[in-house]
Structure formats: C-alpha cells, structure tokens
Amino acid sequence: MKLIVLVLARGGSKRLKKKNILKLNKKPLLTWTLKFAKKLPYITNILVSTDDKKIARIAKLNKAYVPWLRPKFLSGDDVASSKAAVHAIKWYEKNVEKIDGILLLQPTSPFRNFKTIKKIISLFKKNYQKNYVSVSESKFRNINFSKKNKVMIPYSNKKNKFLKYYKPNGSFYLISPQQLIKYKTFITKRAIGVLIKNEKEQIDINYKSDFKYAKQFI
C-alpha cells in the first residue's frame, strides 16, 4: 500500500495571522505535523501544498516534498480545501506515482495519537473504498457529522449508529485519490467517523483563544 500525507498550508489567514507557522513550544505548528507524519507506516511521501515561500522553506527543512507553490486561484479565503487537495493529488499522480490513499493532516492540529491513526491506516488497507475522518461529540444539531455515517471508537469493536451528534475536528482525514477526485470532498457517504475523546487531540487552532489553550498542554 502506498500512502502520502497531504498538508495544505496556505500563507493567508484572516482569523489568526500566519497560523500555520506560529511557534508552539519553539516549533512552528507545521513542524509538529511534519514530524508526526514521518513516524507513520506506509507513508511514501509528505506533500505540502502552499502558496507561501516561508512555509515552503520550513517544509523543505523538515524533508517534506514541495514541488511548486500553489496557484493564487487556489489560495483564496473562499476556496474549499478539497479543491487545493484535488489539484495537488492530480499533479502528484501524473508526475510522481500512483497512490492508494491520502492522509490529510492539518498544521493547526498539533496533538495527535499515533496509535489511533496507525489503526485507521490498517483498516483502510483492508478496504480502499472506505474513508475515515476524526470527529468529536457535539451538542448542536446543525453541525452533525451525518445520519448516514457511522462513528467508531478506537481500541474497541463498537460502532455507533449515530446515537449522538458529531462534528469533524480536523485532526485527520483518510481517503483514496479516486474518491477525493470523484466527490471533491474528504467526507463522502461512505465516511466513517473516528471518535476522538481526548480534549488535547481535538484542538484545532484557528483563533488566538485556541492557540492559548494549546499552550496549556505544553
């Protein structure tokens, strides 16, 4: 099985400026994600899509693959991340090699559980038609994961048939290139939510308050 880690890290950010390279414990957030990615099994490459030269330089220092700077038309505030992802994957499969899966890791999620993601990769290896997304419990109906999607609890054989409300938390997404290109989303009808209960692992830094909260775990 061939997997690549895809990291989408554009330079512009209105809510929290330069969030992808903010330093947490003296390391840019991007570096946290890249160092984690190197430990995972079956990863053949770590592809970083960015429009920012400084982000590209940090990525290359961490031995990530940055073959180009992302075009401006794919780097705006209103551009869906899936569009940038499809662009990157189409280029990669045409110019480098065909792959079986894409593991999307966001720089804004610095704390991840290696054991959890390793298990999800093992499950994906058995069936490339499924895709996985990390989720957290939610109290609000309007941000449900989906009534059609199941949620699994790592380290057990239990599967919940949507007994509660869930929302993607941004920690990871795992999908085949065929599904990503066809549906243009990381959350298809076949997506399986992976419940992350640990508050530290749920952190997704988009605001100053999120960054301040993350510092408490250092």
N, C-alpha and C. Protein backbone atom coordinates (compact mmCIF):
# COMPACT_ATOMS: atom_id res chain seq x y z
N MET A 1 0.84 -1.20 0.00
CA MET A 1 0.00 0.00 0.00
C MET A 1 0.87 1.25 0.00
N LYS A 2 0.50 2.21 -0.83
CA LYS A 2 1.21 3.47 -0.90
C LYS A 2 0.30 4.62 -0.43
N LEU A 3 0.74 5.27 0.62
CA LEU A 3 0.02 6.43 1.13
C LEU A 3 0.92 7.65 1.06
N ILE A 4 0.29 8.81 0.84
CA ILE A 4 1.03 10.04 1.04
C ILE A 4 0.30 10.87 2.08
N VAL A 5 1.07 11.62 2.83
CA VAL A 5 0.49 12.61 3.74
C VAL A 5 0.38 13.90 2.94
N LEU A 6 -0.80 14.49 2.94
CA LEU A 6 -1.00 15.77 2.28
C LEU A 6 -1.22 16.84 3.34
N VAL A 7 -0.44 17.90 3.25
CA VAL A 7 -0.56 19.02 4.19
C VAL A 7 -0.89 20.28 3.39
N LEU A 8 -2.06 20.84 3.65
CA LEU A 8 -2.48 22.08 3.00
C LEU A 8 -2.16 23.24 3.94
N ALA A 9 -1.29 24.12 3.53
CA ALA A 9 -0.82 25.19 4.44
C ALA A 9 -0.62 26.49 3.67
N ARG A 10 -1.68 27.19 3.41
CA ARG A 10 -1.54 28.47 2.70
C ARG A 10 -1.06 29.56 3.66
N GLY A 11 -0.58 30.65 3.08
CA GLY A 11 0.00 31.70 3.90
C GLY A 11 -1.02 32.65 4.49
N GLY A 12 -2.10 32.90 3.77
CA GLY A 12 -3.10 33.86 4.24
C GLY A 12 -4.04 33.26 5.27
N SER A 13 -4.38 34.05 6.27
CA SER A 13 -5.32 33.61 7.30
C SER A 13 -5.87 34.85 8.00
N LYS A 14 -7.17 35.05 7.91
CA LYS A 14 -7.79 36.25 8.48
C LYS A 14 -8.02 36.13 9.99
N ARG A 15 -8.47 34.96 10.42
CA ARG A 15 -8.83 34.81 11.84
C ARG A 15 -7.61 34.80 12.75
N LEU A 16 -6.54 34.16 12.30
CA LEU A 16 -5.30 34.11 13.08
C LEU A 16 -4.15 34.16 12.08
N LYS A 17 -3.49 35.32 12.02
CA LYS A 17 -2.47 35.55 11.00
C LYS A 17 -1.29 34.58 11.13
N LYS A 18 -0.87 34.07 9.99
CA LYS A 18 0.27 33.15 9.89
C LYS A 18 0.15 31.97 10.85
N LYS A 19 -1.07 31.46 11.00
CA LYS A 19 -1.32 30.42 11.99
C LYS A 19 -0.52 29.13 11.74
N ASN A 20 -0.26 28.83 10.47
CA ASN A 20 0.42 27.56 10.17
C ASN A 20 1.87 27.51 10.63
N ILE A 21 2.45 28.70 10.88
CA ILE A 21 3.85 28.71 11.32
C ILE A 21 4.02 29.40 12.69
N LEU A 22 2.90 29.57 13.40
CA LEU A 22 3.02 30.07 14.77
C LEU A 22 3.83 29.08 15.58
N LYS A 23 4.66 29.57 16.47
CA LYS A 23 5.54 28.67 17.23
C LYS A 23 4.89 28.22 18.53
N LEU A 24 4.76 26.92 18.65
CA LEU A 24 4.25 26.29 19.86
C LEU A 24 5.40 25.51 20.48
N ASN A 25 5.82 25.91 21.66
CA ASN A 25 6.99 25.31 22.29
C ASN A 25 8.22 25.40 21.37
N LYS A 26 8.37 26.60 20.78
CA LYS A 26 9.52 26.93 19.93
C LYS A 26 9.56 26.21 18.58
N LYS A 27 8.46 25.52 18.23
CA LYS A 27 8.38 24.85 16.93
C LYS A 27 7.17 25.35 16.17
N PRO A 28 7.32 25.67 14.87
CA PRO A 28 6.17 26.07 14.08
C PRO A 28 5.10 24.95 14.07
N LEU A 29 3.84 25.33 14.02
CA LEU A 29 2.78 24.31 14.00
C LEU A 29 2.98 23.33 12.85
N LEU A 30 3.42 23.83 11.71
CA LEU A 30 3.68 22.97 10.56
C LEU A 30 4.69 21.88 10.91
N THR A 31 5.72 22.23 11.65
CA THR A 31 6.76 21.27 12.02
C THR A 31 6.20 20.16 12.90
N TRP A 32 5.27 20.48 13.80
CA TRP A 32 4.63 19.46 14.64
C TRP A 32 4.00 18.38 13.77
N THR A 33 3.27 18.81 12.76
CA THR A 33 2.58 17.87 11.89
C THR A 33 3.55 17.07 11.03
N LEU A 34 4.57 17.71 10.49
CA LEU A 34 5.51 17.00 9.63
C LEU A 34 6.32 15.96 10.40
N LYS A 35 6.73 16.28 11.60
CA LYS A 35 7.48 15.31 12.42
C LYS A 35 6.61 14.11 12.79
N PHE A 36 5.33 14.37 13.04
CA PHE A 36 4.42 13.27 13.34
C PHE A 36 4.24 12.38 12.11
N ALA A 37 4.09 13.00 10.96
CA ALA A 37 3.84 12.25 9.72
C ALA A 37 4.96 11.27 9.40
N LYS A 38 6.19 11.64 9.73
CA LYS A 38 7.35 10.79 9.43
C LYS A 38 7.33 9.47 10.18
N LYS A 39 6.60 9.41 11.28
CA LYS A 39 6.58 8.21 12.11
C LYS A 39 5.57 7.17 11.63
N LEU A 40 4.66 7.57 10.75
CA LEU A 40 3.56 6.70 10.36
C LEU A 40 3.97 5.62 9.35
N PRO A 41 3.31 4.47 9.37
CA PRO A 41 3.63 3.39 8.43
C PRO A 41 3.02 3.63 7.04
N TYR A 42 3.63 3.04 6.03
CA TYR A 42 3.15 3.04 4.64
C TYR A 42 3.22 4.41 3.96
N ILE A 43 3.81 5.41 4.60
CA ILE A 43 3.88 6.73 4.00
C ILE A 43 5.08 6.79 3.05
N THR A 44 4.81 7.04 1.77
CA THR A 44 5.89 7.11 0.78
C THR A 44 6.37 8.54 0.56
N ASN A 45 5.53 9.53 0.92
CA ASN A 45 5.92 10.91 0.73
C ASN A 45 5.05 11.83 1.58
N ILE A 46 5.55 13.00 1.87
CA ILE A 46 4.79 14.03 2.58
C ILE A 46 4.73 15.24 1.66
N LEU A 47 3.57 15.47 1.07
CA LEU A 47 3.39 16.53 0.08
C LEU A 47 2.77 17.76 0.74
N VAL A 48 3.44 18.88 0.62
CA VAL A 48 2.94 20.14 1.20
C VAL A 48 2.51 21.06 0.07
N SER A 49 1.25 21.49 0.13
CA SER A 49 0.72 22.44 -0.85
C SER A 49 0.59 23.80 -0.17
N THR A 50 1.38 24.76 -0.62
CA THR A 50 1.36 26.08 -0.03
C THR A 50 1.62 27.15 -1.09
N ASP A 51 1.15 28.36 -0.82
CA ASP A 51 1.40 29.49 -1.70
C ASP A 51 2.44 30.42 -1.09
N ASP A 52 3.00 30.03 0.03
CA ASP A 52 3.86 30.90 0.83
C ASP A 52 5.31 30.38 0.83
N LYS A 53 6.25 31.26 0.47
CA LYS A 53 7.66 30.84 0.38
C LYS A 53 8.25 30.46 1.74
N LYS A 54 7.86 31.16 2.79
CA LYS A 54 8.40 30.85 4.11
C LYS A 54 7.90 29.48 4.59
N ILE A 55 6.62 29.20 4.35
CA ILE A 55 6.07 27.89 4.71
C ILE A 55 6.77 26.80 3.91
N ALA A 56 6.99 27.06 2.62
CA ALA A 56 7.69 26.09 1.77
C ALA A 56 9.09 25.81 2.30
N ARG A 57 9.78 26.84 2.74
CA ARG A 57 11.15 26.69 3.26
C ARG A 57 11.15 25.83 4.53
N ILE A 58 10.20 26.09 5.43
CA ILE A 58 10.11 25.30 6.67
C ILE A 58 9.80 23.84 6.34
N ALA A 59 8.91 23.63 5.37
CA ALA A 59 8.55 22.27 4.98
C ALA A 59 9.76 21.52 4.42
N LYS A 60 10.53 22.18 3.58
CA LYS A 60 11.71 21.54 2.99
C LYS A 60 12.77 21.23 4.04
N LEU A 61 12.90 22.10 5.03
CA LEU A 61 13.85 21.85 6.12
C LEU A 61 13.47 20.60 6.90
N ASN A 62 12.17 20.27 6.87
CA ASN A 62 11.69 19.07 7.55
C ASN A 62 11.54 17.89 6.59
N LYS A 63 12.22 18.00 5.42
CA LYS A 63 12.29 16.92 4.43
C LYS A 63 10.95 16.60 3.78
N ALA A 64 10.04 17.57 3.75
CA ALA A 64 8.78 17.37 3.05
C ALA A 64 8.96 17.70 1.58
N TYR A 65 8.03 17.25 0.75
CA TYR A 65 8.10 17.44 -0.69
C TYR A 65 7.26 18.66 -1.08
N VAL A 66 7.92 19.69 -1.60
CA VAL A 66 7.22 20.92 -2.02
C VAL A 66 7.66 21.23 -3.45
N PRO A 67 7.03 20.61 -4.44
CA PRO A 67 7.48 20.75 -5.83
C PRO A 67 7.12 22.07 -6.50
N TRP A 68 6.18 22.82 -5.92
CA TRP A 68 5.73 24.10 -6.50
C TRP A 68 5.01 24.91 -5.44
N LEU A 69 4.75 26.17 -5.77
CA LEU A 69 3.91 26.99 -4.91
C LEU A 69 2.49 26.94 -5.48
N ARG A 70 1.52 26.82 -4.60
CA ARG A 70 0.13 26.70 -5.02
C ARG A 70 -0.33 27.95 -5.79
N PRO A 71 -1.04 27.77 -6.90
CA PRO A 71 -1.55 28.91 -7.67
C PRO A 71 -2.46 29.81 -6.83
N LYS A 72 -2.47 31.09 -7.17
CA LYS A 72 -3.26 32.06 -6.42
C LYS A 72 -4.75 31.75 -6.44
N PHE A 73 -5.25 31.22 -7.57
CA PHE A 73 -6.68 30.96 -7.67
C PHE A 73 -7.14 29.81 -6.75
N LEU A 74 -6.17 29.12 -6.17
CA LEU A 74 -6.49 28.05 -5.22
C LEU A 74 -6.07 28.41 -3.80
N SER A 75 -5.77 29.67 -3.58
CA SER A 75 -5.24 30.08 -2.27
C SER A 75 -6.07 31.15 -1.57
N GLY A 76 -7.24 31.46 -2.10
CA GLY A 76 -8.08 32.49 -1.50
C GLY A 76 -8.86 32.00 -0.29
N ASP A 77 -9.43 32.94 0.45
CA ASP A 77 -10.20 32.61 1.65
C ASP A 77 -11.43 31.77 1.35
N ASP A 78 -12.00 31.96 0.16
CA ASP A 78 -13.25 31.28 -0.18
C ASP A 78 -13.05 29.97 -0.94
N VAL A 79 -11.82 29.58 -1.14
CA VAL A 79 -11.53 28.35 -1.88
C VAL A 79 -11.58 27.15 -0.94
N ALA A 80 -12.40 26.17 -1.27
CA ALA A 80 -12.51 24.97 -0.45
C ALA A 80 -11.19 24.21 -0.44
N SER A 81 -10.82 23.67 0.71
CA SER A 81 -9.56 22.93 0.83
C SER A 81 -9.55 21.72 -0.11
N SER A 82 -10.72 21.17 -0.39
CA SER A 82 -10.80 20.00 -1.27
C SER A 82 -10.32 20.33 -2.69
N LYS A 83 -10.54 21.57 -3.14
CA LYS A 83 -10.08 21.97 -4.47
C LYS A 83 -8.56 21.99 -4.53
N ALA A 84 -7.95 22.52 -3.49
CA ALA A 84 -6.49 22.55 -3.43
C ALA A 84 -5.94 21.12 -3.34
N ALA A 85 -6.66 20.27 -2.63
CA ALA A 85 -6.24 18.88 -2.47
C ALA A 85 -6.31 18.13 -3.80
N VAL A 86 -7.41 18.30 -4.52
CA VAL A 86 -7.57 17.64 -5.83
C VAL A 86 -6.46 18.09 -6.78
N HIS A 87 -6.17 19.37 -6.78
CA HIS A 87 -5.09 19.91 -7.63
C HIS A 87 -3.76 19.23 -7.30
N ALA A 88 -3.45 19.12 -6.01
CA ALA A 88 -2.18 18.53 -5.59
C ALA A 88 -2.09 17.05 -5.95
N ILE A 89 -3.17 16.32 -5.73
CA ILE A 89 -3.16 14.87 -5.97
C ILE A 89 -3.11 14.55 -7.45
N LYS A 90 -3.84 15.29 -8.26
CA LYS A 90 -3.80 15.06 -9.71
C LYS A 90 -2.38 15.28 -10.23
N TRP A 91 -1.74 16.34 -9.75
CA TRP A 91 -0.37 16.61 -10.18
C TRP A 91 0.57 15.50 -9.73
N TYR A 92 0.42 15.07 -8.49
CA TYR A 92 1.31 14.07 -7.92
C TYR A 92 1.19 12.74 -8.68
N GLU A 93 -0.03 12.31 -8.94
CA GLU A 93 -0.21 11.02 -9.62
C GLU A 93 0.25 11.08 -11.08
N LYS A 94 0.19 12.25 -11.68
CA LYS A 94 0.64 12.39 -13.07
C LYS A 94 2.15 12.47 -13.16
N ASN A 95 2.78 13.12 -12.19
CA ASN A 95 4.21 13.41 -12.29
C ASN A 95 5.13 12.58 -11.40
N VAL A 96 4.56 11.93 -10.37
CA VAL A 96 5.41 11.16 -9.45
C VAL A 96 5.03 9.68 -9.45
N GLU A 97 3.89 9.33 -8.90
CA GLU A 97 3.46 7.94 -8.85
C GLU A 97 1.99 7.83 -8.47
N LYS A 98 1.39 6.70 -8.79
CA LYS A 98 0.02 6.42 -8.38
C LYS A 98 0.03 6.01 -6.91
N ILE A 99 -1.01 6.39 -6.19
CA ILE A 99 -1.09 6.08 -4.77
C ILE A 99 -2.42 5.43 -4.43
N ASP A 100 -2.46 4.80 -3.26
CA ASP A 100 -3.69 4.14 -2.80
C ASP A 100 -4.51 5.01 -1.86
N GLY A 101 -3.84 5.91 -1.15
CA GLY A 101 -4.58 6.71 -0.18
C GLY A 101 -3.91 8.03 0.13
N ILE A 102 -4.73 8.95 0.63
CA ILE A 102 -4.26 10.28 1.02
C ILE A 102 -4.63 10.51 2.47
N LEU A 103 -3.65 10.79 3.29
CA LEU A 103 -3.90 11.13 4.68
C LEU A 103 -3.70 12.64 4.83
N LEU A 104 -4.80 13.36 5.00
CA LEU A 104 -4.72 14.80 5.16
C LEU A 104 -4.50 15.14 6.62
N LEU A 105 -3.40 15.85 6.89
CA LEU A 105 -3.08 16.29 8.25
C LEU A 105 -2.96 17.82 8.24
N GLN A 106 -3.75 18.49 9.06
CA GLN A 106 -3.72 19.94 9.11
C GLN A 106 -2.66 20.43 10.10
N PRO A 107 -1.92 21.47 9.74
CA PRO A 107 -0.91 22.01 10.65
C PRO A 107 -1.52 22.56 11.94
N THR A 108 -2.80 22.92 11.89
CA THR A 108 -3.46 23.53 13.05
C THR A 108 -3.88 22.52 14.11
N SER A 109 -3.59 21.25 13.86
CA SER A 109 -3.88 20.20 14.87
C SER A 109 -2.55 19.59 15.31
N PRO A 110 -1.90 20.17 16.30
CA PRO A 110 -0.55 19.72 16.67
C PRO A 110 -0.49 18.44 17.50
N PHE A 111 -1.60 18.07 18.14
CA PHE A 111 -1.58 16.92 19.05
C PHE A 111 -2.39 15.77 18.47
N ARG A 112 -1.70 14.69 18.14
CA ARG A 112 -2.37 13.51 17.58
C ARG A 112 -1.90 12.26 18.29
N ASN A 113 -2.72 11.22 18.25
CA ASN A 113 -2.39 9.95 18.87
C ASN A 113 -1.88 8.99 17.80
N PHE A 114 -0.63 8.59 17.91
CA PHE A 114 -0.02 7.72 16.90
C PHE A 114 -0.76 6.38 16.80
N LYS A 115 -1.12 5.82 17.93
CA LYS A 115 -1.78 4.52 17.95
C LYS A 115 -3.11 4.56 17.21
N THR A 116 -3.86 5.63 17.40
CA THR A 116 -5.17 5.77 16.75
C THR A 116 -5.03 5.80 15.23
N ILE A 117 -4.16 6.67 14.74
CA ILE A 117 -4.03 6.82 13.29
C ILE A 117 -3.39 5.59 12.65
N LYS A 118 -2.50 4.95 13.35
CA LYS A 118 -1.90 3.72 12.84
C LYS A 118 -2.98 2.65 12.65
N LYS A 119 -3.92 2.58 13.59
CA LYS A 119 -5.01 1.60 13.48
C LYS A 119 -5.91 1.93 12.30
N ILE A 120 -6.21 3.20 12.10
CA ILE A 120 -7.07 3.60 11.00
C ILE A 120 -6.41 3.30 9.66
N ILE A 121 -5.11 3.50 9.57
CA ILE A 121 -4.39 3.15 8.35
C ILE A 121 -4.50 1.65 8.07
N SER A 122 -4.41 0.84 9.11
CA SER A 122 -4.53 -0.62 8.96
C SER A 122 -5.92 -1.01 8.45
N LEU A 123 -6.95 -0.32 8.94
CA LEU A 123 -8.32 -0.59 8.48
C LEU A 123 -8.49 -0.17 7.02
N PHE A 124 -7.92 0.97 6.68
CA PHE A 124 -8.02 1.45 5.30
C PHE A 124 -7.33 0.50 4.34
N LYS A 125 -6.25 -0.10 4.76
CA LYS A 125 -5.51 -1.05 3.92
C LYS A 125 -6.39 -2.22 3.48
N LYS A 126 -7.36 -2.58 4.32
CA LYS A 126 -8.25 -3.71 4.02
C LYS A 126 -9.36 -3.34 3.03
N ASN A 127 -9.66 -2.05 2.94
CA ASN A 127 -10.74 -1.61 2.05
C ASN A 127 -10.54 -0.15 1.66
N TYR A 128 -10.02 0.07 0.45
CA TYR A 128 -9.74 1.43 -0.01
C TYR A 128 -11.01 2.22 -0.32
N GLN A 129 -12.16 1.52 -0.38
CA GLN A 129 -13.41 2.20 -0.70
C GLN A 129 -13.97 3.01 0.47
N LYS A 130 -13.49 2.72 1.65
CA LYS A 130 -13.96 3.46 2.82
C LYS A 130 -13.05 4.66 3.05
N ASN A 131 -13.61 5.67 3.69
CA ASN A 131 -12.74 6.77 4.10
C ASN A 131 -13.06 7.16 5.53
N TYR A 132 -12.07 7.72 6.20
CA TYR A 132 -12.16 7.97 7.63
C TYR A 132 -11.93 9.44 7.95
N VAL A 133 -12.62 9.92 8.97
CA VAL A 133 -12.46 11.30 9.40
C VAL A 133 -12.58 11.37 10.92
N SER A 134 -11.69 12.11 11.55
CA SER A 134 -11.74 12.24 13.01
C SER A 134 -12.89 13.17 13.40
N VAL A 135 -13.64 12.78 14.43
CA VAL A 135 -14.78 13.58 14.87
C VAL A 135 -14.78 13.72 16.39
N SER A 136 -15.54 14.72 16.84
CA SER A 136 -15.75 14.95 18.27
C SER A 136 -17.25 15.01 18.53
N GLU A 137 -17.64 14.77 19.75
CA GLU A 137 -19.05 14.90 20.10
C GLU A 137 -19.46 16.37 20.06
N SER A 138 -20.71 16.62 19.69
CA SER A 138 -21.22 17.97 19.61
C SER A 138 -22.62 18.05 20.22
N LYS A 139 -22.93 19.20 20.77
CA LYS A 139 -24.25 19.41 21.35
C LYS A 139 -25.22 20.04 20.35
N PHE A 140 -24.73 20.40 19.20
CA PHE A 140 -25.53 21.15 18.24
C PHE A 140 -25.94 20.30 17.05
N ARG A 141 -27.20 20.32 16.71
CA ARG A 141 -27.72 19.54 15.60
C ARG A 141 -27.24 20.04 14.25
N ASN A 142 -27.01 21.34 14.13
CA ASN A 142 -26.68 21.89 12.83
C ASN A 142 -25.26 21.60 12.36
N ILE A 143 -24.45 20.97 13.19
CA ILE A 143 -23.11 20.59 12.75
C ILE A 143 -22.91 19.08 12.90
N ASN A 144 -23.99 18.33 12.62
CA ASN A 144 -23.90 16.87 12.67
C ASN A 144 -22.87 16.36 11.68
N PHE A 145 -22.29 15.24 12.01
CA PHE A 145 -21.40 14.57 11.07
C PHE A 145 -22.25 14.11 9.89
N SER A 146 -23.16 13.19 10.11
CA SER A 146 -24.16 12.78 9.12
C SER A 146 -24.92 11.60 9.69
N LYS A 147 -26.22 11.60 9.49
CA LYS A 147 -27.03 10.48 9.98
C LYS A 147 -26.75 9.20 9.20
N LYS A 148 -26.15 9.35 8.04
CA LYS A 148 -25.86 8.17 7.21
C LYS A 148 -24.49 7.57 7.53
N ASN A 149 -23.70 8.30 8.29
CA ASN A 149 -22.35 7.83 8.60
C ASN A 149 -22.25 7.20 9.98
N LYS A 150 -21.46 6.16 10.09
CA LYS A 150 -21.23 5.52 11.38
C LYS A 150 -20.02 6.15 12.06
N VAL A 151 -19.97 5.99 13.37
CA VAL A 151 -18.84 6.51 14.15
C VAL A 151 -18.25 5.35 14.93
N MET A 152 -16.95 5.20 14.83
CA MET A 152 -16.29 4.11 15.54
C MET A 152 -15.46 4.68 16.69
N ILE A 153 -15.29 3.84 17.70
CA ILE A 153 -14.49 4.21 18.86
C ILE A 153 -13.19 3.42 18.80
N PRO A 154 -12.05 4.08 18.67
CA PRO A 154 -10.76 3.36 18.60
C PRO A 154 -10.54 2.44 19.80
N TYR A 155 -9.80 1.37 19.56
CA TYR A 155 -9.42 0.39 20.59
C TYR A 155 -10.59 -0.49 21.03
N SER A 156 -11.70 -0.50 20.27
CA SER A 156 -12.80 -1.40 20.62
C SER A 156 -13.49 -1.84 19.33
N ASN A 157 -14.39 -2.80 19.43
CA ASN A 157 -15.12 -3.28 18.26
C ASN A 157 -16.50 -2.63 18.15
N LYS A 158 -16.74 -1.63 18.97
CA LYS A 158 -18.05 -0.98 18.97
C LYS A 158 -18.19 -0.02 17.80
N LYS A 159 -19.42 0.06 17.27
CA LYS A 159 -19.75 1.04 16.24
C LYS A 159 -21.09 1.67 16.61
N ASN A 160 -21.13 2.97 16.64
CA ASN A 160 -22.36 3.67 16.99
C ASN A 160 -23.14 4.04 15.74
N LYS A 161 -24.43 3.80 15.73
CA LYS A 161 -25.28 4.21 14.61
C LYS A 161 -25.88 5.57 14.92
N PHE A 162 -25.03 6.55 14.97
CA PHE A 162 -25.44 7.93 15.16
C PHE A 162 -26.39 8.11 16.33
N LEU A 163 -25.95 7.75 17.52
CA LEU A 163 -26.74 7.93 18.72
C LEU A 163 -26.58 9.34 19.28
N LYS A 164 -25.53 10.03 18.84
CA LYS A 164 -25.27 11.38 19.31
C LYS A 164 -24.94 12.26 18.11
N TYR A 165 -24.64 13.52 18.39
CA TYR A 165 -24.24 14.45 17.34
C TYR A 165 -22.72 14.54 17.31
N TYR A 166 -22.17 14.58 16.10
CA TYR A 166 -20.73 14.64 15.94
C TYR A 166 -20.34 15.71 14.92
N LYS A 167 -19.11 16.17 15.02
CA LYS A 167 -18.57 17.12 14.05
C LYS A 167 -17.12 16.77 13.75
N PRO A 168 -16.67 16.96 12.51
CA PRO A 168 -15.26 16.75 12.20
C PRO A 168 -14.41 17.72 13.02
N ASN A 169 -13.28 17.26 13.55
CA ASN A 169 -12.44 18.14 14.37
C ASN A 169 -11.12 18.52 13.69
N GLY A 170 -10.90 18.03 12.46
CA GLY A 170 -9.72 18.47 11.71
C GLY A 170 -8.44 17.73 11.96
N SER A 171 -8.44 16.76 12.86
CA SER A 171 -7.20 16.07 13.19
C SER A 171 -6.65 15.25 12.02
N PHE A 172 -7.53 14.48 11.35
CA PHE A 172 -7.08 13.73 10.18
C PHE A 172 -8.25 13.32 9.29
N TYR A 173 -7.93 13.12 8.03
CA TYR A 173 -8.86 12.58 7.03
C TYR A 173 -8.09 11.57 6.20
N LEU A 174 -8.70 10.43 5.90
CA LEU A 174 -8.04 9.41 5.10
C LEU A 174 -8.98 8.95 3.99
N ILE A 175 -8.53 9.04 2.74
CA ILE A 175 -9.40 8.75 1.61
C ILE A 175 -8.55 8.30 0.42
N SER A 176 -9.17 7.58 -0.52
CA SER A 176 -8.47 7.19 -1.74
C SER A 176 -8.47 8.36 -2.72
N PRO A 177 -7.49 8.43 -3.61
CA PRO A 177 -7.47 9.52 -4.60
C PRO A 177 -8.68 9.47 -5.52
N GLN A 178 -9.16 8.27 -5.84
CA GLN A 178 -10.31 8.13 -6.72
C GLN A 178 -11.55 8.78 -6.11
N GLN A 179 -11.78 8.53 -4.82
CA GLN A 179 -12.95 9.11 -4.16
C GLN A 179 -12.82 10.62 -4.01
N LEU A 180 -11.63 11.08 -3.66
CA LEU A 180 -11.43 12.52 -3.50
C LEU A 180 -11.69 13.25 -4.81
N ILE A 181 -11.15 12.74 -5.90
CA ILE A 181 -11.32 13.38 -7.21
C ILE A 181 -12.77 13.28 -7.69
N LYS A 182 -13.42 12.15 -7.42
CA LYS A 182 -14.80 11.96 -7.87
C LYS A 182 -15.79 12.83 -7.09
N TYR A 183 -15.68 12.81 -5.76
CA TYR A 183 -16.67 13.51 -4.92
C TYR A 183 -16.23 14.91 -4.49
N LYS A 184 -14.94 15.20 -4.67
CA LYS A 184 -14.40 16.52 -4.32
C LYS A 184 -14.67 16.91 -2.86
N THR A 185 -14.53 15.93 -2.00
CA THR A 185 -14.70 16.14 -0.56
C THR A 185 -13.96 15.03 0.18
N PHE A 186 -13.57 15.32 1.42
CA PHE A 186 -12.93 14.30 2.25
C PHE A 186 -13.95 13.54 3.08
N ILE A 187 -15.21 13.96 3.01
CA ILE A 187 -16.27 13.29 3.79
C ILE A 187 -17.36 12.82 2.85
N THR A 188 -17.27 11.59 2.39
CA THR A 188 -18.26 11.04 1.48
C THR A 188 -19.34 10.31 2.28
N LYS A 189 -20.31 9.74 1.57
CA LYS A 189 -21.36 8.97 2.23
C LYS A 189 -20.82 7.70 2.87
N ARG A 190 -19.65 7.28 2.41
CA ARG A 190 -19.02 6.07 2.97
C ARG A 190 -18.09 6.40 4.12
N ALA A 191 -17.96 7.67 4.45
CA ALA A 191 -17.03 8.07 5.50
C ALA A 191 -17.41 7.48 6.85
N ILE A 192 -16.40 7.08 7.58
CA ILE A 192 -16.58 6.56 8.93
C ILE A 192 -15.91 7.52 9.90
N GLY A 193 -16.67 8.00 10.85
CA GLY A 193 -16.12 8.92 11.85
C GLY A 193 -15.31 8.16 12.89
N VAL A 194 -14.18 8.69 13.26
CA VAL A 194 -13.35 8.11 14.31
C VAL A 194 -13.42 9.05 15.51
N LEU A 195 -14.08 8.60 16.55
CA LEU A 195 -14.34 9.46 17.70
C LEU A 195 -13.06 9.72 18.50
N ILE A 196 -12.73 10.99 18.64
CA ILE A 196 -11.58 11.42 19.45
C ILE A 196 -12.13 12.05 20.72
N LYS A 197 -11.91 11.42 21.86
CA LYS A 197 -12.45 11.91 23.12
C LYS A 197 -11.48 12.81 23.87
N ASN A 198 -10.20 12.61 23.65
CA ASN A 198 -9.19 13.39 24.36
C ASN A 198 -9.23 14.85 23.93
N GLU A 199 -9.41 15.77 24.87
CA GLU A 199 -9.53 17.19 24.55
C GLU A 199 -8.28 17.74 23.88
N LYS A 200 -7.14 17.28 24.28
CA LYS A 200 -5.87 17.73 23.71
C LYS A 200 -5.81 17.38 22.22
N GLU A 201 -6.21 16.17 21.87
CA GLU A 201 -6.15 15.72 20.49
C GLU A 201 -7.21 16.39 19.61
N GLN A 202 -8.22 16.98 20.21
CA GLN A 202 -9.28 17.64 19.46
C GLN A 202 -8.93 19.06 19.05
N ILE A 203 -7.86 19.60 19.60
CA ILE A 203 -7.52 21.01 19.37
C ILE A 203 -7.25 21.30 17.90
N ASP A 204 -7.94 22.32 17.39
CA ASP A 204 -7.76 22.81 16.03
C ASP A 204 -7.58 24.32 16.14
N ILE A 205 -6.38 24.79 15.90
CA ILE A 205 -6.03 26.19 16.18
C ILE A 205 -6.42 27.12 15.02
N ASN A 206 -7.48 27.90 15.25
CA ASN A 206 -7.93 28.87 14.26
C ASN A 206 -8.08 30.28 14.83
N TYR A 207 -8.09 30.35 16.16
CA TYR A 207 -8.23 31.64 16.83
C TYR A 207 -7.16 31.77 17.91
N LYS A 208 -6.96 33.00 18.39
CA LYS A 208 -5.99 33.23 19.46
C LYS A 208 -6.33 32.42 20.70
N SER A 209 -7.61 32.28 20.98
CA SER A 209 -8.04 31.51 22.15
C SER A 209 -7.64 30.04 22.01
N ASP A 210 -7.71 29.50 20.79
CA ASP A 210 -7.30 28.11 20.54
C ASP A 210 -5.80 27.95 20.79
N PHE A 211 -5.02 28.93 20.32
CA PHE A 211 -3.57 28.86 20.49
C PHE A 211 -3.19 28.96 21.96
N LYS A 212 -3.88 29.82 22.68
CA LYS A 212 -3.64 29.97 24.11
C LYS A 212 -3.99 28.68 24.85
N TYR A 213 -5.07 28.04 24.43
CA TYR A 213 -5.49 26.78 25.05
C TYR A 213 -4.45 25.69 24.78
N ALA A 214 -3.93 25.64 23.56
CA ALA A 214 -2.94 24.63 23.20
C ALA A 214 -1.68 24.75 24.04
N LYS A 215 -1.31 25.98 24.37
CA LYS A 215 -0.11 26.20 25.17
C LYS A 215 -0.21 25.56 26.55
N GLN A 216 -1.42 25.36 27.05
CA GLN A 216 -1.60 24.77 28.37
C GLN A 216 -1.15 23.31 28.42
N PHE A 217 -1.06 22.68 27.26
CA PHE A 217 -0.70 21.27 27.21
C PHE A 217 0.79 21.05 27.00
N ILE A 218 1.54 22.14 26.88
CA ILE A 218 2.99 22.02 26.71
C ILE A 218 3.66 21.86 28.08
